[in-house]
Amino acid sequence: MSGPSGAGKTSVCRELKKHPRVEFSVSATTRAPREHEVDGVDYHFLDREEFERRVEAGEFIEHAEYSGNYYGTLRAPMERALAEGRVYVLEIEVQGTKQLRDSGLEATYIFVAPPSLDEVRRRLVARGTDDAAEIDRRIEIAARELDAQSRYDHVVVNDDLDRAIREVEELVGL
């Protein structure tokens, strides 16, 4: 599952986590933790050197650089979950989706889209984690990422969170 910053993909994913058959990837990142985030729960927070070492060791199924930080998905937890017959969900950047598709990974690729870039701006301001310059930069990135929707099997427009959640649940067989 991918989508621009502020599209609501994290909110959708938070609800999917409540299903007992669903296991979520915990992405690794080099960005600093936000105030409420817990290492190993929200992300695996790594420094750049450790992240790059793990990339070289082949421990990631995908990785990308976004907003000056690395993000990636570790391979071992996914392989274990799939072997157990669980629904494994990756919340990844658009660049990561391209890597997964190029690798031949069979999956249901879902893009969570905002209703508008104005709504993205409103959500980012309400989040309160970025200054005005960073929000402007994220809006520019979001505009480019919206052009990637055609790479996905399904596009879910998040203009109503409850409806978006139900749509994603149906798409993944929950």
N, C-alpha and C. Protein backbone atom coordinates (compact mmCIF):
# COMPACT_ATOMS: atom_id res chain seq x y z
N MET A 1 0.85 -1.16 0.00
CA MET A 1 0.00 0.00 0.00
C MET A 1 0.90 1.23 0.00
N SER A 2 0.59 2.13 -0.90
CA SER A 2 1.36 3.37 -1.02
C SER A 2 0.40 4.53 -1.18
N GLY A 3 0.96 5.71 -1.09
CA GLY A 3 0.22 6.93 -1.33
C GLY A 3 1.04 8.09 -0.84
N PRO A 4 0.70 9.28 -1.28
CA PRO A 4 1.46 10.45 -0.85
C PRO A 4 1.33 10.71 0.64
N SER A 5 2.29 11.43 1.16
CA SER A 5 2.22 11.89 2.54
C SER A 5 0.94 12.70 2.69
N GLY A 6 0.16 12.39 3.72
CA GLY A 6 -1.09 13.10 3.95
C GLY A 6 -2.30 12.50 3.27
N ALA A 7 -2.12 11.39 2.53
CA ALA A 7 -3.26 10.75 1.85
C ALA A 7 -4.12 9.94 2.82
N GLY A 8 -3.52 9.52 3.94
CA GLY A 8 -4.27 8.74 4.92
C GLY A 8 -3.92 7.27 4.95
N LYS A 9 -2.84 6.88 4.27
CA LYS A 9 -2.50 5.44 4.24
C LYS A 9 -2.16 4.92 5.63
N THR A 10 -1.53 5.72 6.47
CA THR A 10 -1.21 5.27 7.82
C THR A 10 -2.48 5.08 8.64
N SER A 11 -3.46 5.94 8.45
CA SER A 11 -4.74 5.79 9.16
C SER A 11 -5.46 4.53 8.71
N VAL A 12 -5.45 4.24 7.42
CA VAL A 12 -6.07 3.02 6.91
C VAL A 12 -5.34 1.81 7.49
N CYS A 13 -4.02 1.86 7.47
CA CYS A 13 -3.23 0.73 7.98
C CYS A 13 -3.46 0.50 9.47
N ARG A 14 -3.64 1.56 10.23
CA ARG A 14 -3.89 1.43 11.67
C ARG A 14 -5.12 0.56 11.92
N GLU A 15 -6.15 0.72 11.10
CA GLU A 15 -7.37 -0.08 11.25
C GLU A 15 -7.15 -1.53 10.80
N LEU A 16 -6.41 -1.73 9.72
CA LEU A 16 -6.14 -3.09 9.24
C LEU A 16 -5.39 -3.90 10.29
N LYS A 17 -4.57 -3.24 11.09
CA LYS A 17 -3.78 -3.93 12.11
C LYS A 17 -4.65 -4.63 13.15
N LYS A 18 -5.90 -4.24 13.25
CA LYS A 18 -6.80 -4.84 14.23
C LYS A 18 -7.28 -6.23 13.83
N HIS A 19 -7.08 -6.61 12.57
CA HIS A 19 -7.51 -7.93 12.11
C HIS A 19 -6.50 -8.99 12.52
N PRO A 20 -6.96 -10.10 13.09
CA PRO A 20 -6.02 -11.13 13.57
C PRO A 20 -5.23 -11.83 12.47
N ARG A 21 -5.74 -11.86 11.23
CA ARG A 21 -5.01 -12.53 10.14
C ARG A 21 -4.00 -11.61 9.45
N VAL A 22 -3.97 -10.36 9.86
CA VAL A 22 -3.11 -9.39 9.20
C VAL A 22 -1.83 -9.19 9.99
N GLU A 23 -0.73 -9.22 9.27
CA GLU A 23 0.55 -8.86 9.87
C GLU A 23 1.13 -7.73 9.03
N PHE A 24 1.64 -6.75 9.70
CA PHE A 24 2.20 -5.59 9.02
C PHE A 24 3.71 -5.61 9.04
N SER A 25 4.26 -5.21 7.94
CA SER A 25 5.68 -4.97 7.90
C SER A 25 6.00 -3.79 8.80
N VAL A 26 7.07 -3.89 9.54
CA VAL A 26 7.60 -2.74 10.27
C VAL A 26 8.79 -2.27 9.46
N SER A 27 8.61 -1.16 8.77
CA SER A 27 9.65 -0.64 7.91
C SER A 27 10.84 -0.16 8.72
N ALA A 28 11.97 -0.19 8.07
CA ALA A 28 13.17 0.41 8.64
C ALA A 28 13.33 1.80 8.02
N THR A 29 13.86 2.73 8.78
CA THR A 29 14.08 4.08 8.26
C THR A 29 15.27 4.72 8.96
N THR A 30 15.83 5.70 8.26
CA THR A 30 16.90 6.49 8.86
C THR A 30 16.39 7.83 9.38
N ARG A 31 15.10 8.10 9.23
CA ARG A 31 14.59 9.38 9.74
C ARG A 31 14.47 9.32 11.26
N ALA A 32 14.45 10.48 11.86
CA ALA A 32 14.32 10.57 13.32
C ALA A 32 12.91 10.17 13.74
N PRO A 33 12.77 9.50 14.88
CA PRO A 33 11.43 9.14 15.36
C PRO A 33 10.61 10.39 15.71
N ARG A 34 9.31 10.32 15.43
CA ARG A 34 8.40 11.37 15.91
C ARG A 34 8.14 11.10 17.38
N GLU A 35 7.60 12.07 18.05
CA GLU A 35 7.45 12.02 19.51
C GLU A 35 6.78 10.74 20.01
N HIS A 36 5.72 10.29 19.38
CA HIS A 36 4.94 9.15 19.86
C HIS A 36 5.43 7.80 19.33
N GLU A 37 6.43 7.78 18.45
CA GLU A 37 6.84 6.53 17.80
C GLU A 37 7.78 5.71 18.66
N VAL A 38 7.64 4.38 18.54
CA VAL A 38 8.43 3.44 19.31
C VAL A 38 9.26 2.58 18.36
N ASP A 39 10.55 2.47 18.62
CA ASP A 39 11.44 1.66 17.80
C ASP A 39 10.99 0.21 17.83
N GLY A 40 10.91 -0.42 16.66
CA GLY A 40 10.51 -1.81 16.56
C GLY A 40 9.01 -2.01 16.48
N VAL A 41 8.25 -0.96 16.76
CA VAL A 41 6.79 -1.02 16.67
C VAL A 41 6.33 -0.19 15.48
N ASP A 42 6.69 1.09 15.47
CA ASP A 42 6.32 1.97 14.37
C ASP A 42 7.30 1.84 13.21
N TYR A 43 8.56 1.81 13.51
CA TYR A 43 9.64 1.64 12.55
C TYR A 43 10.81 0.98 13.27
N HIS A 44 11.73 0.45 12.49
CA HIS A 44 13.05 0.10 13.00
C HIS A 44 13.92 1.31 12.65
N PHE A 45 14.31 2.09 13.65
CA PHE A 45 15.09 3.29 13.41
C PHE A 45 16.57 2.92 13.35
N LEU A 46 17.17 3.15 12.18
CA LEU A 46 18.56 2.80 11.95
C LEU A 46 19.34 4.04 11.53
N ASP A 47 20.64 4.05 11.82
CA ASP A 47 21.44 5.13 11.25
C ASP A 47 21.78 4.75 9.80
N ARG A 48 22.26 5.71 9.04
CA ARG A 48 22.50 5.50 7.60
C ARG A 48 23.50 4.36 7.36
N GLU A 49 24.52 4.29 8.19
CA GLU A 49 25.55 3.25 8.01
C GLU A 49 24.96 1.85 8.17
N GLU A 50 24.16 1.65 9.22
CA GLU A 50 23.54 0.34 9.45
C GLU A 50 22.55 0.00 8.33
N PHE A 51 21.77 0.98 7.90
CA PHE A 51 20.81 0.75 6.83
C PHE A 51 21.56 0.30 5.56
N GLU A 52 22.59 1.03 5.20
CA GLU A 52 23.35 0.71 4.00
C GLU A 52 24.02 -0.66 4.11
N ARG A 53 24.48 -1.03 5.31
CA ARG A 53 25.08 -2.36 5.50
C ARG A 53 24.04 -3.44 5.23
N ARG A 54 22.83 -3.25 5.72
CA ARG A 54 21.77 -4.24 5.53
C ARG A 54 21.32 -4.32 4.07
N VAL A 55 21.35 -3.20 3.38
CA VAL A 55 21.05 -3.23 1.94
C VAL A 55 22.08 -4.10 1.23
N GLU A 56 23.35 -3.87 1.53
CA GLU A 56 24.44 -4.64 0.90
C GLU A 56 24.33 -6.13 1.22
N ALA A 57 23.82 -6.46 2.40
CA ALA A 57 23.68 -7.85 2.82
C ALA A 57 22.43 -8.51 2.21
N GLY A 58 21.64 -7.76 1.46
CA GLY A 58 20.45 -8.32 0.83
C GLY A 58 19.28 -8.56 1.78
N GLU A 59 19.23 -7.84 2.90
CA GLU A 59 18.19 -8.05 3.89
C GLU A 59 16.87 -7.34 3.59
N PHE A 60 16.86 -6.49 2.57
CA PHE A 60 15.65 -5.76 2.22
C PHE A 60 15.04 -6.30 0.93
N ILE A 61 13.71 -6.37 0.89
CA ILE A 61 13.06 -6.72 -0.39
C ILE A 61 12.86 -5.47 -1.22
N GLU A 62 12.85 -4.33 -0.57
CA GLU A 62 12.81 -3.04 -1.28
C GLU A 62 13.36 -1.99 -0.34
N HIS A 63 13.87 -0.94 -0.95
CA HIS A 63 14.30 0.22 -0.17
C HIS A 63 14.28 1.44 -1.10
N ALA A 64 14.11 2.60 -0.50
CA ALA A 64 14.05 3.83 -1.27
C ALA A 64 14.52 4.98 -0.40
N GLU A 65 14.90 6.06 -1.07
CA GLU A 65 15.21 7.29 -0.35
C GLU A 65 14.07 8.25 -0.60
N TYR A 66 13.57 8.85 0.47
CA TYR A 66 12.45 9.77 0.39
C TYR A 66 12.69 10.90 1.38
N SER A 67 12.60 12.11 0.91
CA SER A 67 12.79 13.29 1.77
C SER A 67 14.12 13.24 2.52
N GLY A 68 15.16 12.73 1.86
CA GLY A 68 16.48 12.69 2.46
C GLY A 68 16.73 11.56 3.43
N ASN A 69 15.77 10.64 3.58
CA ASN A 69 15.92 9.50 4.48
C ASN A 69 15.67 8.21 3.73
N TYR A 70 16.28 7.13 4.21
CA TYR A 70 16.04 5.80 3.65
C TYR A 70 14.84 5.15 4.33
N TYR A 71 14.09 4.38 3.56
CA TYR A 71 13.01 3.53 4.05
C TYR A 71 13.16 2.18 3.37
N GLY A 72 12.85 1.10 4.08
CA GLY A 72 12.95 -0.20 3.45
C GLY A 72 12.17 -1.26 4.20
N THR A 73 11.96 -2.38 3.51
CA THR A 73 11.19 -3.51 4.04
C THR A 73 12.10 -4.72 4.19
N LEU A 74 12.20 -5.22 5.40
CA LEU A 74 13.03 -6.39 5.67
C LEU A 74 12.37 -7.65 5.12
N ARG A 75 13.15 -8.54 4.55
CA ARG A 75 12.69 -9.74 3.86
C ARG A 75 12.18 -10.85 4.80
N ALA A 76 12.90 -11.15 5.86
CA ALA A 76 12.61 -12.32 6.70
C ALA A 76 11.21 -12.32 7.31
N PRO A 77 10.73 -11.22 7.88
CA PRO A 77 9.38 -11.26 8.47
C PRO A 77 8.28 -11.54 7.44
N MET A 78 8.42 -11.02 6.23
CA MET A 78 7.43 -11.27 5.20
C MET A 78 7.40 -12.74 4.81
N GLU A 79 8.55 -13.32 4.62
CA GLU A 79 8.62 -14.73 4.23
C GLU A 79 7.98 -15.62 5.30
N ARG A 80 8.21 -15.30 6.56
CA ARG A 80 7.63 -16.08 7.65
C ARG A 80 6.11 -15.95 7.67
N ALA A 81 5.59 -14.73 7.57
CA ALA A 81 4.15 -14.50 7.62
C ALA A 81 3.43 -15.20 6.46
N LEU A 82 3.98 -15.10 5.28
CA LEU A 82 3.35 -15.73 4.12
C LEU A 82 3.36 -17.25 4.26
N ALA A 83 4.43 -17.80 4.81
CA ALA A 83 4.48 -19.25 5.02
C ALA A 83 3.41 -19.70 6.01
N GLU A 84 3.00 -18.81 6.91
CA GLU A 84 1.95 -19.12 7.89
C GLU A 84 0.55 -18.81 7.36
N GLY A 85 0.44 -18.38 6.10
CA GLY A 85 -0.86 -18.10 5.50
C GLY A 85 -1.51 -16.80 5.95
N ARG A 86 -0.72 -15.87 6.41
CA ARG A 86 -1.26 -14.59 6.88
C ARG A 86 -1.29 -13.57 5.73
N VAL A 87 -2.11 -12.54 5.89
CA VAL A 87 -2.12 -11.40 4.97
C VAL A 87 -1.00 -10.47 5.44
N TYR A 88 -0.03 -10.24 4.59
CA TYR A 88 1.11 -9.41 4.96
C TYR A 88 1.00 -8.08 4.22
N VAL A 89 1.00 -6.99 4.96
CA VAL A 89 0.79 -5.67 4.38
C VAL A 89 2.06 -4.85 4.52
N LEU A 90 2.45 -4.24 3.41
CA LEU A 90 3.58 -3.34 3.39
C LEU A 90 3.07 -1.94 3.11
N GLU A 91 3.40 -1.01 3.98
CA GLU A 91 3.12 0.41 3.76
C GLU A 91 4.43 1.02 3.27
N ILE A 92 4.50 1.26 1.95
CA ILE A 92 5.77 1.65 1.36
C ILE A 92 5.63 2.87 0.46
N GLU A 93 6.77 3.45 0.13
CA GLU A 93 6.82 4.60 -0.77
C GLU A 93 6.61 4.14 -2.20
N VAL A 94 6.25 5.07 -3.06
CA VAL A 94 6.00 4.77 -4.47
C VAL A 94 7.23 4.13 -5.11
N GLN A 95 8.42 4.63 -4.78
CA GLN A 95 9.65 4.06 -5.32
C GLN A 95 9.78 2.58 -4.93
N GLY A 96 9.39 2.25 -3.72
CA GLY A 96 9.46 0.88 -3.25
C GLY A 96 8.53 -0.03 -4.02
N THR A 97 7.35 0.49 -4.36
CA THR A 97 6.40 -0.31 -5.15
C THR A 97 7.00 -0.66 -6.50
N LYS A 98 7.67 0.28 -7.12
CA LYS A 98 8.31 0.00 -8.41
C LYS A 98 9.33 -1.12 -8.26
N GLN A 99 10.12 -1.07 -7.19
CA GLN A 99 11.11 -2.13 -6.95
C GLN A 99 10.42 -3.48 -6.78
N LEU A 100 9.32 -3.52 -6.01
CA LEU A 100 8.61 -4.78 -5.79
C LEU A 100 8.06 -5.32 -7.10
N ARG A 101 7.43 -4.46 -7.87
CA ARG A 101 6.89 -4.90 -9.17
C ARG A 101 8.01 -5.43 -10.06
N ASP A 102 9.11 -4.68 -10.13
CA ASP A 102 10.24 -5.08 -10.97
C ASP A 102 10.84 -6.40 -10.52
N SER A 103 10.73 -6.71 -9.21
CA SER A 103 11.29 -7.96 -8.68
C SER A 103 10.39 -9.16 -8.98
N GLY A 104 9.16 -8.87 -9.43
CA GLY A 104 8.23 -9.95 -9.73
C GLY A 104 7.40 -10.40 -8.54
N LEU A 105 7.45 -9.68 -7.42
CA LEU A 105 6.69 -10.07 -6.24
C LEU A 105 5.20 -10.01 -6.56
N GLU A 106 4.53 -11.16 -6.39
CA GLU A 106 3.08 -11.22 -6.60
C GLU A 106 2.39 -10.64 -5.39
N ALA A 107 1.57 -9.62 -5.62
CA ALA A 107 0.90 -8.93 -4.52
C ALA A 107 -0.29 -8.16 -5.10
N THR A 108 -1.11 -7.66 -4.21
CA THR A 108 -2.17 -6.72 -4.58
C THR A 108 -1.64 -5.35 -4.25
N TYR A 109 -1.42 -4.54 -5.27
CA TYR A 109 -0.83 -3.22 -5.10
C TYR A 109 -1.95 -2.18 -5.01
N ILE A 110 -2.01 -1.48 -3.86
CA ILE A 110 -3.08 -0.52 -3.58
C ILE A 110 -2.47 0.87 -3.37
N PHE A 111 -3.04 1.85 -4.05
CA PHE A 111 -2.62 3.24 -3.91
C PHE A 111 -3.72 4.00 -3.17
N VAL A 112 -3.38 4.59 -2.03
CA VAL A 112 -4.34 5.42 -1.29
C VAL A 112 -4.10 6.86 -1.74
N ALA A 113 -5.14 7.44 -2.36
CA ALA A 113 -5.02 8.78 -2.91
C ALA A 113 -5.84 9.78 -2.08
N PRO A 114 -5.34 10.98 -1.97
CA PRO A 114 -6.12 12.03 -1.30
C PRO A 114 -7.17 12.55 -2.27
N PRO A 115 -8.23 13.18 -1.74
CA PRO A 115 -9.22 13.76 -2.65
C PRO A 115 -8.68 14.95 -3.43
N SER A 116 -7.66 15.64 -2.88
CA SER A 116 -7.06 16.79 -3.55
C SER A 116 -5.74 17.14 -2.86
N LEU A 117 -4.92 17.92 -3.55
CA LEU A 117 -3.68 18.40 -2.93
C LEU A 117 -3.97 19.42 -1.83
N ASP A 118 -5.07 20.16 -1.98
CA ASP A 118 -5.47 21.08 -0.90
C ASP A 118 -5.75 20.32 0.39
N GLU A 119 -6.39 19.16 0.24
CA GLU A 119 -6.67 18.33 1.43
C GLU A 119 -5.38 17.78 2.03
N VAL A 120 -4.42 17.42 1.18
CA VAL A 120 -3.12 16.97 1.68
C VAL A 120 -2.49 18.08 2.52
N ARG A 121 -2.50 19.29 2.01
CA ARG A 121 -1.93 20.41 2.76
C ARG A 121 -2.63 20.57 4.11
N ARG A 122 -3.97 20.52 4.11
CA ARG A 122 -4.74 20.66 5.35
C ARG A 122 -4.34 19.59 6.35
N ARG A 123 -4.21 18.33 5.88
CA ARG A 123 -3.86 17.23 6.77
C ARG A 123 -2.45 17.37 7.32
N LEU A 124 -1.51 17.80 6.46
CA LEU A 124 -0.13 17.96 6.91
C LEU A 124 -0.01 19.09 7.94
N VAL A 125 -0.73 20.17 7.72
CA VAL A 125 -0.72 21.27 8.70
C VAL A 125 -1.31 20.77 10.01
N ALA A 126 -2.42 20.04 9.95
CA ALA A 126 -3.08 19.54 11.17
C ALA A 126 -2.19 18.55 11.92
N ARG A 127 -1.37 17.79 11.18
CA ARG A 127 -0.46 16.83 11.81
C ARG A 127 0.51 17.54 12.73
N GLY A 128 0.96 18.73 12.32
CA GLY A 128 1.81 19.56 13.17
C GLY A 128 3.24 19.08 13.34
N THR A 129 3.73 18.27 12.42
CA THR A 129 5.09 17.75 12.56
C THR A 129 6.11 18.41 11.63
N ASP A 130 5.63 19.20 10.67
CA ASP A 130 6.52 19.79 9.67
C ASP A 130 6.32 21.31 9.59
N ASP A 131 7.40 22.02 9.27
CA ASP A 131 7.27 23.46 9.07
C ASP A 131 6.72 23.74 7.67
N ALA A 132 6.46 25.00 7.37
CA ALA A 132 5.81 25.37 6.11
C ALA A 132 6.64 24.96 4.89
N ALA A 133 7.95 25.11 4.97
CA ALA A 133 8.80 24.74 3.84
C ALA A 133 8.74 23.23 3.58
N GLU A 134 8.75 22.44 4.65
CA GLU A 134 8.66 20.98 4.49
C GLU A 134 7.30 20.58 3.94
N ILE A 135 6.25 21.24 4.38
CA ILE A 135 4.91 20.94 3.85
C ILE A 135 4.87 21.25 2.36
N ASP A 136 5.42 22.39 1.95
CA ASP A 136 5.46 22.73 0.52
C ASP A 136 6.21 21.67 -0.27
N ARG A 137 7.33 21.20 0.29
CA ARG A 137 8.13 20.17 -0.39
C ARG A 137 7.33 18.87 -0.50
N ARG A 138 6.63 18.49 0.56
CA ARG A 138 5.82 17.27 0.54
C ARG A 138 4.66 17.39 -0.45
N ILE A 139 4.10 18.58 -0.61
CA ILE A 139 3.03 18.78 -1.58
C ILE A 139 3.58 18.57 -3.00
N GLU A 140 4.77 19.09 -3.27
CA GLU A 140 5.39 18.89 -4.58
C GLU A 140 5.62 17.40 -4.85
N ILE A 141 6.11 16.68 -3.85
CA ILE A 141 6.34 15.24 -3.99
C ILE A 141 5.01 14.52 -4.19
N ALA A 142 3.99 14.91 -3.42
CA ALA A 142 2.66 14.28 -3.54
C ALA A 142 2.12 14.44 -4.95
N ALA A 143 2.30 15.61 -5.53
CA ALA A 143 1.82 15.84 -6.90
C ALA A 143 2.49 14.87 -7.87
N ARG A 144 3.78 14.64 -7.72
CA ARG A 144 4.50 13.69 -8.59
C ARG A 144 4.03 12.26 -8.32
N GLU A 145 3.83 11.93 -7.04
CA GLU A 145 3.42 10.57 -6.69
C GLU A 145 2.02 10.24 -7.22
N LEU A 146 1.16 11.23 -7.29
CA LEU A 146 -0.18 10.98 -7.83
C LEU A 146 -0.12 10.51 -9.28
N ASP A 147 0.93 10.89 -9.98
CA ASP A 147 1.12 10.42 -11.37
C ASP A 147 1.42 8.93 -11.44
N ALA A 148 1.78 8.30 -10.32
CA ALA A 148 2.15 6.88 -10.29
C ALA A 148 0.97 5.96 -10.08
N GLN A 149 -0.24 6.50 -9.96
CA GLN A 149 -1.41 5.67 -9.65
C GLN A 149 -1.61 4.52 -10.64
N SER A 150 -1.24 4.72 -11.87
CA SER A 150 -1.47 3.69 -12.89
C SER A 150 -0.61 2.44 -12.66
N ARG A 151 0.39 2.52 -11.82
CA ARG A 151 1.24 1.36 -11.52
C ARG A 151 0.59 0.39 -10.53
N TYR A 152 -0.56 0.77 -9.99
CA TYR A 152 -1.21 0.00 -8.94
C TYR A 152 -2.42 -0.76 -9.48
N ASP A 153 -2.74 -1.85 -8.81
CA ASP A 153 -3.91 -2.63 -9.19
C ASP A 153 -5.20 -1.92 -8.82
N HIS A 154 -5.17 -1.17 -7.72
CA HIS A 154 -6.37 -0.49 -7.22
C HIS A 154 -5.99 0.87 -6.67
N VAL A 155 -6.87 1.85 -6.87
CA VAL A 155 -6.71 3.18 -6.28
C VAL A 155 -7.91 3.42 -5.37
N VAL A 156 -7.63 3.73 -4.11
CA VAL A 156 -8.67 4.03 -3.13
C VAL A 156 -8.55 5.50 -2.77
N VAL A 157 -9.56 6.28 -3.11
CA VAL A 157 -9.55 7.70 -2.78
C VAL A 157 -10.05 7.86 -1.35
N ASN A 158 -9.22 8.44 -0.52
CA ASN A 158 -9.55 8.58 0.90
C ASN A 158 -10.21 9.93 1.16
N ASP A 159 -11.47 10.03 0.72
CA ASP A 159 -12.26 11.22 1.05
C ASP A 159 -13.17 10.96 2.23
N ASP A 160 -13.27 9.68 2.62
CA ASP A 160 -14.03 9.26 3.80
C ASP A 160 -13.28 8.08 4.39
N LEU A 161 -12.67 8.26 5.55
CA LEU A 161 -11.77 7.25 6.10
C LEU A 161 -12.45 5.90 6.30
N ASP A 162 -13.65 5.87 6.86
CA ASP A 162 -14.32 4.60 7.11
C ASP A 162 -14.59 3.85 5.80
N ARG A 163 -15.02 4.56 4.77
CA ARG A 163 -15.26 3.93 3.48
C ARG A 163 -13.96 3.41 2.87
N ALA A 164 -12.89 4.21 2.98
CA ALA A 164 -11.60 3.79 2.44
C ALA A 164 -11.11 2.52 3.14
N ILE A 165 -11.30 2.45 4.44
CA ILE A 165 -10.90 1.26 5.20
C ILE A 165 -11.68 0.04 4.72
N ARG A 166 -12.99 0.17 4.59
CA ARG A 166 -13.81 -0.95 4.12
C ARG A 166 -13.39 -1.41 2.72
N GLU A 167 -13.07 -0.46 1.86
CA GLU A 167 -12.66 -0.80 0.49
C GLU A 167 -11.35 -1.59 0.50
N VAL A 168 -10.40 -1.14 1.29
CA VAL A 168 -9.12 -1.85 1.36
C VAL A 168 -9.31 -3.24 1.97
N GLU A 169 -10.14 -3.35 3.01
CA GLU A 169 -10.41 -4.66 3.62
C GLU A 169 -10.96 -5.63 2.57
N GLU A 170 -11.86 -5.17 1.75
CA GLU A 170 -12.42 -6.02 0.70
C GLU A 170 -11.34 -6.43 -0.31
N LEU A 171 -10.48 -5.49 -0.67
CA LEU A 171 -9.44 -5.77 -1.67
C LEU A 171 -8.46 -6.84 -1.20
N VAL A 172 -8.20 -6.91 0.11
CA VAL A 172 -7.24 -7.89 0.62
C VAL A 172 -7.92 -9.12 1.21
N GLY A 173 -9.24 -9.23 1.06
CA GLY A 173 -9.95 -10.44 1.47
C GLY A 173 -10.24 -10.55 2.95
N LEU A 174 -10.49 -9.44 3.61
CA LEU A 174 -10.82 -9.48 5.04
C LEU A 174 -12.32 -9.31 5.24
